[in-house]
């Protein structure tokens, strides 16, 4: 290649300045919403019936006793004083037991009502927490989206130039495909900047074919000379100074086959 003021780029490297923000923030899952357990209510009612059974039986016995005293007074088996006293005592006892039954029923109702209130409060707290989590998630997602857009829009691939002070690159070994790729990568930069590139292909492998195709696709018309037919038109040394031309000729001479040794 002819010397140029533009740097020689060997390829591209992926080096974004802003790191990948990663996956979007996950939404906080909704907690389990408490519900009034019908089984719990049934269990409370069973407990109420079992604990209140003696009181109800006692109340029924008092009612039967009061009825027996009244019947005895009506049939004349008991005096008025005895029947009245027994009936009053049975009614008083039965009233106390009835009140105990009523208090037990009220306690059962109050327990169920308190459980309903607790569930309503828990639902309200869960709804408030979930709404707060959704707002925080929406804010985090918007912030993540902004970082993602900035990350995707930033330049991520950067040209890799030769170190400062070096304007020559010698490549040893490799394959025709690798040489063609390297040649196309380096020369494309010079062509895109309006520079000129001269390729001397001594491989007989047409390593500049991809570069020629790229030049045609870019609207350029490269000069292609095939030796020895185009030897009279060859002006390889045009534009080279003496040291550069000497280097090209020396490299071309060293690339030839070694002379056979005399036996």
C-alpha atoms as a PDB file:
ATOM      1  CA  UNK A   1       0.000   0.000   0.000  1.00  0.00           C
ATOM      2  CA  UNK A   2       1.126   3.526  -0.659  1.00  0.00           C
ATOM      3  CA  UNK A   3       1.965   5.576   2.419  1.00  0.00           C
ATOM      4  CA  UNK A   4      -0.898   7.746   3.632  1.00  0.00           C
ATOM      5  CA  UNK A   5      -1.402  10.361   6.306  1.00  0.00           C
ATOM      6  CA  UNK A   6      -4.438   8.499   7.612  1.00  0.00           C
ATOM      7  CA  UNK A   7      -3.801   5.823  10.269  1.00  0.00           C
ATOM      8  CA  UNK A   8      -3.843   2.118   9.485  1.00  0.00           C
ATOM      9  CA  UNK A   9      -6.773   0.334  11.164  1.00  0.00           C
ATOM     10  CA  UNK A  10      -6.462  -3.382  11.759  1.00  0.00           C
ATOM     11  CA  UNK A  11     -10.091  -4.026  12.640  1.00  0.00           C
ATOM     12  CA  UNK A  12     -12.763  -3.205  15.169  1.00  0.00           C
ATOM     13  CA  UNK A  13     -13.155  -3.874  18.843  1.00  0.00           C
ATOM     14  CA  UNK A  14     -16.324  -3.977  20.930  1.00  0.00           C
ATOM     15  CA  UNK A  15     -15.707  -1.526  23.782  1.00  0.00           C
ATOM     16  CA  UNK A  16     -18.871   0.308  24.924  1.00  0.00           C
ATOM     17  CA  UNK A  17     -18.215   2.989  27.521  1.00  0.00           C
ATOM     18  CA  UNK A  18     -21.560   2.456  29.297  1.00  0.00           C
ATOM     19  CA  UNK A  19     -22.142  -1.079  30.613  1.00  0.00           C
ATOM     20  CA  UNK A  20     -25.196  -3.129  29.705  1.00  0.00           C
ATOM     21  CA  UNK A  21     -27.999  -2.318  32.191  1.00  0.00           C
ATOM     22  CA  UNK A  22     -28.998  -5.983  32.203  1.00  0.00           C
ATOM     23  CA  UNK A  23     -32.543  -7.361  32.262  1.00  0.00           C
ATOM     24  CA  UNK A  24     -35.485  -5.161  33.225  1.00  0.00           C
ATOM     25  CA  UNK A  25     -36.408  -4.988  36.904  1.00  0.00           C
ATOM     26  CA  UNK A  26     -38.756  -7.745  37.992  1.00  0.00           C
ATOM     27  CA  UNK A  27     -42.193  -6.824  39.276  1.00  0.00           C
ATOM     28  CA  UNK A  28     -42.874  -7.710  42.898  1.00  0.00           C
ATOM     29  CA  UNK A  29     -45.364 -10.589  42.950  1.00  0.00           C
ATOM     30  CA  UNK A  30     -48.664  -9.993  44.644  1.00  0.00           C
ATOM     31  CA  UNK A  31     -48.969 -11.490  48.103  1.00  0.00           C
ATOM     32  CA  UNK A  32     -51.625 -13.950  49.097  1.00  0.00           C
ATOM     33  CA  UNK A  33     -54.913 -12.132  49.737  1.00  0.00           C
ATOM     34  CA  UNK A  34     -56.470 -13.318  53.012  1.00  0.00           C
ATOM     35  CA  UNK A  35     -60.038 -14.612  52.884  1.00  0.00           C
ATOM     36  CA  UNK A  36     -62.567 -15.468  55.563  1.00  0.00           C
ATOM     37  CA  UNK A  37     -62.175 -19.189  56.163  1.00  0.00           C
ATOM     38  CA  UNK A  38     -65.559 -20.846  56.282  1.00  0.00           C
ATOM     39  CA  UNK A  39     -63.956 -23.834  57.982  1.00  0.00           C
ATOM     40  CA  UNK A  40     -62.778 -21.578  60.805  1.00  0.00           C
ATOM     41  CA  UNK A  41     -66.316 -20.205  61.230  1.00  0.00           C
ATOM     42  CA  UNK A  42     -67.782 -23.714  61.319  1.00  0.00           C
ATOM     43  CA  UNK A  43     -65.187 -24.731  63.915  1.00  0.00           C
ATOM     44  CA  UNK A  44     -66.080 -21.732  66.108  1.00  0.00           C
ATOM     45  CA  UNK A  45     -69.747 -22.656  65.917  1.00  0.00           C
ATOM     46  CA  UNK A  46     -68.994 -26.252  66.874  1.00  0.00           C
ATOM     47  CA  UNK A  47     -66.976 -25.021  69.874  1.00  0.00           C
ATOM     48  CA  UNK A  48     -69.855 -22.701  70.822  1.00  0.00           C
ATOM     49  CA  UNK A  49     -72.393 -25.509  70.679  1.00  0.00           C
ATOM     50  CA  UNK A  50     -70.227 -27.906  72.656  1.00  0.00           C
ATOM     51  CA  UNK A  51     -69.294 -25.442  75.413  1.00  0.00           C
ATOM     52  CA  UNK A  52     -72.849 -24.162  75.663  1.00  0.00           C
ATOM     53  CA  UNK A  53     -74.480 -27.577  75.725  1.00  0.00           C
ATOM     54  CA  UNK A  54     -74.541 -27.899  79.573  1.00  0.00           C
ATOM     55  CA  UNK A  55     -76.068 -24.455  79.899  1.00  0.00           C
ATOM     56  CA  UNK A  56     -78.760 -25.222  77.352  1.00  0.00           C
ATOM     57  CA  UNK A  57     -79.510 -28.544  79.026  1.00  0.00           C
ATOM     58  CA  UNK A  58     -79.705 -26.811  82.387  1.00  0.00           C
ATOM     59  CA  UNK A  59     -82.038 -24.167  80.970  1.00  0.00           C
ATOM     60  CA  UNK A  60     -84.295 -26.850  79.542  1.00  0.00           C
ATOM     61  CA  UNK A  61     -84.313 -28.632  82.911  1.00  0.00           C
ATOM     62  CA  UNK A  62     -85.310 -25.403  84.660  1.00  0.00           C
ATOM     63  CA  UNK A  63     -88.151 -24.900  82.202  1.00  0.00           C
ATOM     64  CA  UNK A  64     -89.356 -28.466  82.796  1.00  0.00           C
ATOM     65  CA  UNK A  65     -89.106 -27.984  86.577  1.00  0.00           C
ATOM     66  CA  UNK A  66     -91.096 -24.749  86.446  1.00  0.00           C
ATOM     67  CA  UNK A  67     -93.723 -26.477  84.345  1.00  0.00           C
ATOM     68  CA  UNK A  68     -93.881 -29.396  86.796  1.00  0.00           C
ATOM     69  CA  UNK A  69     -94.428 -27.079  89.769  1.00  0.00           C
ATOM     70  CA  UNK A  70     -97.186 -25.260  87.900  1.00  0.00           C
ATOM     71  CA  UNK A  71     -98.852 -28.556  86.993  1.00  0.00           C
ATOM     72  CA  UNK A  72     -98.584 -29.783  90.601  1.00  0.00           C
ATOM     73  CA  UNK A  73    -100.208 -26.570  91.851  1.00  0.00           C
ATOM     74  CA  UNK A  74    -102.947 -26.847  89.250  1.00  0.00           C
ATOM     75  CA  UNK A  75    -103.732 -30.469  90.187  1.00  0.00           C
ATOM     76  CA  UNK A  76    -103.510 -29.749  93.893  1.00  0.00           C
ATOM     77  CA  UNK A  77    -100.451 -31.911  94.529  1.00  0.00           C
ATOM     78  CA  UNK A  78     -98.464 -28.955  95.827  1.00  0.00           C
ATOM     79  CA  UNK A  79     -99.447 -25.997  97.889  1.00  0.00           C
ATOM     80  CA  UNK A  80     -99.459 -22.536  96.497  1.00  0.00           C
ATOM     81  CA  UNK A  81     -96.383 -21.523  98.486  1.00  0.00           C
ATOM     82  CA  UNK A  82     -94.382 -24.580  97.458  1.00  0.00           C
ATOM     83  CA  UNK A  83     -95.432 -24.352  93.829  1.00  0.00           C
ATOM     84  CA  UNK A  84     -94.758 -20.620  93.675  1.00  0.00           C
ATOM     85  CA  UNK A  85     -91.375 -20.908  95.354  1.00  0.00           C
ATOM     86  CA  UNK A  86     -90.254 -23.798  93.132  1.00  0.00           C
ATOM     87  CA  UNK A  87     -91.494 -22.148  89.996  1.00  0.00           C
ATOM     88  CA  UNK A  88     -89.758 -18.852  90.876  1.00  0.00           C
ATOM     89  CA  UNK A  89     -86.490 -20.656  91.610  1.00  0.00           C
ATOM     90  CA  UNK A  90     -86.688 -22.629  88.338  1.00  0.00           C
ATOM     91  CA  UNK A  91     -87.474 -19.494  86.351  1.00  0.00           C
ATOM     92  CA  UNK A  92     -84.586 -17.575  87.965  1.00  0.00           C
ATOM     93  CA  UNK A  93     -82.157 -20.395  87.242  1.00  0.00           C
ATOM     94  CA  UNK A  94     -83.423 -20.733  83.702  1.00  0.00           C
ATOM     95  CA  UNK A  95     -83.108 -16.985  83.112  1.00  0.00           C
ATOM     96  CA  UNK A  96     -79.463 -17.035  84.223  1.00  0.00           C
ATOM     97  CA  UNK A  97     -78.687 -19.923  81.898  1.00  0.00           C
ATOM     98  CA  UNK A  98     -80.502 -18.200  79.038  1.00  0.00           C
ATOM     99  CA  UNK A  99     -78.375 -15.127  79.576  1.00  0.00           C
ATOM    100  CA  UNK A 100     -75.266 -17.315  79.521  1.00  0.00           C
ATOM    101  CA  UNK A 101     -76.412 -18.776  76.178  1.00  0.00           C
ATOM    102  CA  UNK A 102     -77.018 -15.283  74.805  1.00  0.00           C
ATOM    103  CA  UNK A 103     -73.568 -14.111  75.982  1.00  0.00           C
ATOM    104  CA  UNK A 104     -71.943 -17.117  74.294  1.00  0.00           C
ATOM    105  CA  UNK A 105     -73.772 -16.358  71.065  1.00  0.00           C
ATOM    106  CA  UNK A 106     -72.675 -12.735  71.250  1.00  0.00           C
ATOM    107  CA  UNK A 107     -69.071 -13.767  71.852  1.00  0.00           C
ATOM    108  CA  UNK A 108     -69.256 -16.019  68.779  1.00  0.00           C
ATOM    109  CA  UNK A 109     -70.668 -13.174  66.672  1.00  0.00           C
ATOM    110  CA  UNK A 110     -68.038 -10.749  67.993  1.00  0.00           C
ATOM    111  CA  UNK A 111     -65.230 -13.204  67.165  1.00  0.00           C
ATOM    112  CA  UNK A 112     -66.504 -13.670  63.602  1.00  0.00           C
ATOM    113  CA  UNK A 113     -66.950  -9.910  63.185  1.00  0.00           C
ATOM    114  CA  UNK A 114     -63.417  -9.274  64.490  1.00  0.00           C
ATOM    115  CA  UNK A 115     -62.057 -11.847  62.032  1.00  0.00           C
ATOM    116  CA  UNK A 116     -63.904 -10.155  59.193  1.00  0.00           C
ATOM    117  CA  UNK A 117     -62.453  -6.790  60.243  1.00  0.00           C
ATOM    118  CA  UNK A 118     -58.948  -8.251  60.465  1.00  0.00           C
ATOM    119  CA  UNK A 119     -59.249  -9.649  56.935  1.00  0.00           C
ATOM    120  CA  UNK A 120     -60.544  -6.335  55.586  1.00  0.00           C
ATOM    121  CA  UNK A 121     -57.616  -4.527  57.228  1.00  0.00           C
ATOM    122  CA  UNK A 122     -55.138  -7.080  55.867  1.00  0.00           C
ATOM    123  CA  UNK A 123     -56.611  -6.746  52.377  1.00  0.00           C
ATOM    124  CA  UNK A 124     -56.372  -2.976  52.540  1.00  0.00           C
ATOM    125  CA  UNK A 125     -52.741  -3.138  53.707  1.00  0.00           C
ATOM    126  CA  UNK A 126     -51.874  -5.626  50.952  1.00  0.00           C
ATOM    127  CA  UNK A 127     -53.585  -3.454  48.337  1.00  0.00           C
ATOM    128  CA  UNK A 128     -51.646  -0.390  49.559  1.00  0.00           C
ATOM    129  CA  UNK A 129     -48.357  -2.316  49.528  1.00  0.00           C
ATOM    130  CA  UNK A 130     -49.039  -3.695  46.053  1.00  0.00           C
ATOM    131  CA  UNK A 131     -49.904  -0.228  44.688  1.00  0.00           C
ATOM    132  CA  UNK A 132     -46.684   1.179  46.190  1.00  0.00           C
ATOM    133  CA  UNK A 133     -44.653  -1.693  44.711  1.00  0.00           C
ATOM    134  CA  UNK A 134     -46.231  -1.098  41.300  1.00  0.00           C
ATOM    135  CA  UNK A 135     -45.346   2.604  41.423  1.00  0.00           C
ATOM    136  CA  UNK A 136     -41.776   1.809  42.430  1.00  0.00           C
ATOM    137  CA  UNK A 137     -41.531  -0.830  39.697  1.00  0.00           C
ATOM    138  CA  UNK A 138     -42.858   1.614  37.092  1.00  0.00           C
ATOM    139  CA  UNK A 139     -40.273   4.195  38.187  1.00  0.00           C
ATOM    140  CA  UNK A 140     -37.463   1.607  38.151  1.00  0.00           C
ATOM    141  CA  UNK A 141     -38.561   0.363  34.730  1.00  0.00           C
ATOM    142  CA  UNK A 142     -38.565   3.882  33.256  1.00  0.00           C
ATOM    143  CA  UNK A 143     -35.065   4.473  34.659  1.00  0.00           C
ATOM    144  CA  UNK A 144     -33.925   1.107  33.272  1.00  0.00           C
ATOM    145  CA  UNK A 145     -35.464   1.924  29.894  1.00  0.00           C
ATOM    146  CA  UNK A 146     -33.553   5.225  29.735  1.00  0.00           C
ATOM    147  CA  UNK A 147     -30.295   3.429  30.551  1.00  0.00           C
ATOM    148  CA  UNK A 148     -31.102   0.786  27.934  1.00  0.00           C
ATOM    149  CA  UNK A 149     -31.752   3.383  25.230  1.00  0.00           C
ATOM    150  CA  UNK A 150     -28.491   5.190  26.075  1.00  0.00           C
ATOM    151  CA  UNK A 151     -26.617   1.874  26.022  1.00  0.00           C
ATOM    152  CA  UNK A 152     -28.073   0.874  22.646  1.00  0.00           C
ATOM    153  CA  UNK A 153     -27.414   4.280  21.053  1.00  0.00           C
ATOM    154  CA  UNK A 154     -23.827   4.680  22.219  1.00  0.00           C
ATOM    155  CA  UNK A 155     -20.935   3.800  19.878  1.00  0.00           C
ATOM    156  CA  UNK A 156     -19.880   0.276  20.762  1.00  0.00           C
ATOM    157  CA  UNK A 157     -17.390  -0.629  18.036  1.00  0.00           C
ATOM    158  CA  UNK A 158     -14.128   1.286  17.692  1.00  0.00           C
ATOM    159  CA  UNK A 159     -11.370   1.033  15.117  1.00  0.00           C
ATOM    160  CA  UNK A 160      -8.105  -0.519  16.241  1.00  0.00           C
ATOM    161  CA  UNK A 161      -5.155   1.486  14.832  1.00  0.00           C
ATOM    162  CA  UNK A 162      -1.488   0.672  14.825  1.00  0.00           C
ATOM    163  CA  UNK A 163       0.465   2.074  17.780  1.00  0.00           C
ATOM    164  CA  UNK A 164       1.684   5.644  17.426  1.00  0.00           C
ATOM    165  CA  UNK A 165       4.842   6.025  15.360  1.00  0.00           C
ATOM    166  CA  UNK A 166       4.277   2.841  13.333  1.00  0.00           C
ATOM    167  CA  UNK A 167       3.201   3.221   9.702  1.00  0.00           C
ATOM    168  CA  UNK A 168       4.134  -0.206   8.396  1.00  0.00           C
ATOM    169  CA  UNK A 169       2.677  -3.650   8.998  1.00  0.00           C
ATOM    170  CA  UNK A 170       4.378  -6.920   8.035  1.00  0.00           C
ATOM    171  CA  UNK A 171       2.224 -10.070   8.109  1.00  0.00           C
ATOM    172  CA  UNK A 172       3.773 -13.543   8.065  1.00  0.00           C
ATOM    173  CA  UNK A 173       1.836 -16.747   7.547  1.00  0.00           C
ATOM    174  CA  UNK A 174      -1.911 -17.122   7.353  1.00  0.00           C
ATOM    175  CA  UNK A 175      -4.285 -18.138   4.561  1.00  0.00           C
ATOM    176  CA  UNK A 176      -5.530 -16.483   1.400  1.00  0.00           C
ATOM    177  CA  UNK A 177      -8.899 -15.808   3.039  1.00  0.00           C
ATOM    178  CA  UNK A 178      -7.215 -14.219   6.044  1.00  0.00           C
ATOM    179  CA  UNK A 179      -4.982 -12.039   3.890  1.00  0.00           C
ATOM    180  CA  UNK A 180      -7.978 -10.946   1.826  1.00  0.00           C
ATOM    181  CA  UNK A 181      -9.924 -10.013   4.974  1.00  0.00           C
ATOM    182  CA  UNK A 182      -6.999  -8.087   6.462  1.00  0.00           C
ATOM    183  CA  UNK A 183      -6.304  -6.304   3.215  1.00  0.00           C
ATOM    184  CA  UNK A 184      -9.964  -5.318   2.787  1.00  0.00           C
ATOM    185  CA  UNK A 185     -10.216  -4.070   6.389  1.00  0.00           C
ATOM    186  CA  UNK A 186      -7.101  -1.905   6.176  1.00  0.00           C
ATOM    187  CA  UNK A 187      -7.669  -0.563   2.673  1.00  0.00           C
ATOM    188  CA  UNK A 188     -11.374   0.208   3.151  1.00  0.00           C
ATOM    189  CA  UNK A 189     -10.514   2.869   5.739  1.00  0.00           C
ATOM    190  CA  UNK A 190      -8.159   4.656   3.345  1.00  0.00           C
ATOM    191  CA  UNK A 191     -10.663   4.500   0.512  1.00  0.00           C
ATOM    192  CA  UNK A 192     -13.500   5.848   2.706  1.00  0.00           C
ATOM    193  CA  UNK A 193     -11.281   8.826   3.604  1.00  0.00           C
ATOM    194  CA  UNK A 194     -10.544   9.575  -0.048  1.00  0.00           C
ATOM    195  CA  UNK A 195      -7.090   8.058  -0.024  1.00  0.00           C
ATOM    196  CA  UNK A 196      -5.408   5.776  -2.513  1.00  0.00           C
ATOM    197  CA  UNK A 197      -4.351   2.181  -2.097  1.00  0.00           C
ATOM    198  CA  UNK A 198      -1.926   0.215  -4.246  1.00  0.00           C
ATOM    199  CA  UNK A 199      -1.931  -3.560  -3.915  1.00  0.00           C
ATOM    200  CA  UNK A 200       0.833  -5.709  -5.390  1.00  0.00           C
ATOM    201  CA  UNK A 201      -0.476  -9.274  -5.314  1.00  0.00           C
ATOM    202  CA  UNK A 202       2.307 -11.860  -5.710  1.00  0.00           C
ATOM    203  CA  UNK A 203       0.280 -14.728  -4.222  1.00  0.00           C
ATOM    204  CA  UNK A 204      -1.486 -15.742  -7.458  1.00  0.00           C
ATOM    205  CA  UNK A 205      -4.514 -16.173  -5.193  1.00  0.00           C
ATOM    206  CA  UNK A 206      -6.339 -12.930  -6.084  1.00  0.00           C
ATOM    207  CA  UNK A 207      -6.371 -11.758  -2.464  1.00  0.00           C
ATOM    208  CA  UNK A 208      -7.575  -8.316  -3.578  1.00  0.00           C
ATOM    209  CA  UNK A 209     -10.796  -9.666  -5.122  1.00  0.00           C
ATOM    210  CA  UNK A 210     -12.932  -8.724  -2.103  1.00  0.00           C
ATOM    211  CA  UNK A 211     -11.377  -5.252  -2.008  1.00  0.00           C
ATOM    212  CA  UNK A 212     -12.072  -4.740  -5.714  1.00  0.00           C
ATOM    213  CA  UNK A 213     -15.675  -5.822  -5.199  1.00  0.00           C
ATOM    214  CA  UNK A 214     -16.025  -3.415  -2.260  1.00  0.00           C
ATOM    215  CA  UNK A 215     -14.624  -0.576  -4.363  1.00  0.00           C
ATOM    216  CA  UNK A 216     -17.149  -1.265  -7.123  1.00  0.00           C
ATOM    217  CA  UNK A 217     -19.983  -1.323  -4.565  1.00  0.00           C
ATOM    218  CA  UNK A 218     -18.780   2.071  -3.281  1.00  0.00           C
ATOM    219  CA  UNK A 219     -18.840   3.608  -6.759  1.00  0.00           C
ATOM    220  CA  UNK A 220     -15.071   3.495  -7.293  1.00  0.00           C
ATOM    221  CA  UNK A 221     -13.378   2.212 -10.422  1.00  0.00           C
ATOM    222  CA  UNK A 222     -10.108   0.579  -9.360  1.00  0.00           C
ATOM    223  CA  UNK A 223      -7.314   0.044 -11.867  1.00  0.00           C
ATOM    224  CA  UNK A 224      -6.623  -3.669 -12.158  1.00  0.00           C
ATOM    225  CA  UNK A 225      -3.503  -4.829 -13.975  1.00  0.00           C
ATOM    226  CA  UNK A 226      -2.741  -8.445 -14.561  1.00  0.00           C
ATOM    227  CA  UNK A 227       0.868  -9.271 -15.347  1.00  0.00           C
ATOM    228  CA  UNK A 228       2.540  -9.960 -17.665  1.00  0.00           C
ATOM    229  CA  UNK A 229      -0.135  -8.747 -20.100  1.00  0.00           C
ATOM    230  CA  UNK A 230      -0.390  -5.264 -18.510  1.00  0.00           C
ATOM    231  CA  UNK A 231       3.329  -4.891 -17.808  1.00  0.00           C
ATOM    232  CA  UNK A 232       3.783  -1.963 -20.269  1.00  0.00           C
ATOM    233  CA  UNK A 233       1.167   0.095 -18.391  1.00  0.00           C
ATOM    234  CA  UNK A 234       2.547  -0.650 -14.954  1.00  0.00           C
ATOM    235  CA  UNK A 235       3.596   2.450 -12.994  1.00  0.00           C
ATOM    236  CA  UNK A 236       4.160   0.831  -9.612  1.00  0.00           C
ATOM    237  CA  UNK A 237       6.795   3.316  -8.519  1.00  0.00           C
ATOM    238  CA  UNK A 238       4.684   6.391  -9.191  1.00  0.00           C
ATOM    239  CA  UNK A 239       4.187   8.349  -5.972  1.00  0.00           C
ATOM    240  CA  UNK A 240       6.771   6.385  -3.958  1.00  0.00           C
ATOM    241  CA  UNK A 241       9.910   7.979  -2.671  1.00  0.00           C
ATOM    242  CA  UNK A 242      13.210   6.135  -3.079  1.00  0.00           C
ATOM    243  CA  UNK A 243      13.238   4.348   0.344  1.00  0.00           C
ATOM    244  CA  UNK A 244       9.633   3.199  -0.016  1.00  0.00           C
ATOM    245  CA  UNK A 245      10.211   1.895  -3.539  1.00  0.00           C
ATOM    246  CA  UNK A 246      13.353   0.112  -2.383  1.00  0.00           C
ATOM    247  CA  UNK A 247      11.369  -1.568   0.378  1.00  0.00           C
ATOM    248  CA  UNK A 248       8.686  -2.757  -2.055  1.00  0.00           C
ATOM    249  CA  UNK A 249      11.257  -4.154  -4.467  1.00  0.00           C
ATOM    250  CA  UNK A 250      13.173  -5.856  -1.654  1.00  0.00           C
ATOM    251  CA  UNK A 251      10.016  -7.467  -0.285  1.00  0.00           C
ATOM    252  CA  UNK A 252       8.989  -8.624  -3.730  1.00  0.00           C
ATOM    253  CA  UNK A 253      12.400 -10.126  -4.324  1.00  0.00           C
ATOM    254  CA  UNK A 254      12.442 -11.894  -0.951  1.00  0.00           C
ATOM    255  CA  UNK A 255       9.007 -13.409  -1.597  1.00  0.00           C
ATOM    256  CA  UNK A 256      10.302 -15.410  -4.560  1.00  0.00           C
ATOM    257  CA  UNK A 257      11.427 -19.052  -4.310  1.00  0.00           C
ATOM    258  CA  UNK A 258      14.869 -19.755  -2.966  1.00  0.00           C
ATOM    259  CA  UNK A 259      17.439 -20.677  -5.635  1.00  0.00           C
ATOM    260  CA  UNK A 260      18.303 -24.321  -5.867  1.00  0.00           C
ATOM    261  CA  UNK A 261      21.615 -25.210  -4.259  1.00  0.00           C
ATOM    262  CA  UNK A 262      24.279 -26.760  -6.469  1.00  0.00           C
ATOM    263  CA  UNK A 263      24.868 -30.419  -5.736  1.00  0.00           C
END
